[in-house]
Amino acid sequence: MLHITSTKHGEATWRIEHKRLWMESFRDCRDDHALDPAYRLRMDGSTVEIPNGPTGLVYFGEDSERPELPFVEERFPAHRDLWEAVENAYWDEVEPLEHSRLEQLNPEALDYTTDRWTVAEIRETAWNIRRSA
């Protein structure tokens, strides 16, 4: 199951496997980066452009290799609010409390899962919320 967590300036797609958080992709939604060309960030730090890929999107790893959150945090420190939201959504999933850590941290942050929504529905909802903010 994929999670898509979004904040005002970014969107992260990630999954949990064996209680570990693996990052799939990141979309930079800030105005000055929203039209950047898509690329893949490999585990060795090198990049590969993705011609005709969705603008502002960064895919992580190759084949079945995916980075954990600290790898992504180091490379995109300007999105600390998003990484904190991802971490809180992760803990809400693996060790739930009576209240949502994510909602307490940032009431504007959203976390959706693909077992309840399609990826297209998640992205459309997040986009509409960001536009209306």
Foldseek 3Di string as FASTA:
>chain_A
DWKWKDALFKIWIWDADPLFIFTFKMAGRPPVQQQAFEWEQAPVRDIDTDPPDRGRMYGYHDDPDTDGLVVVCVVCVVVVVRSVLVVQVSCCVPPNDPDGPNCVSPVRMDMDDCVVPPPVVVVVVNVVSSVVD
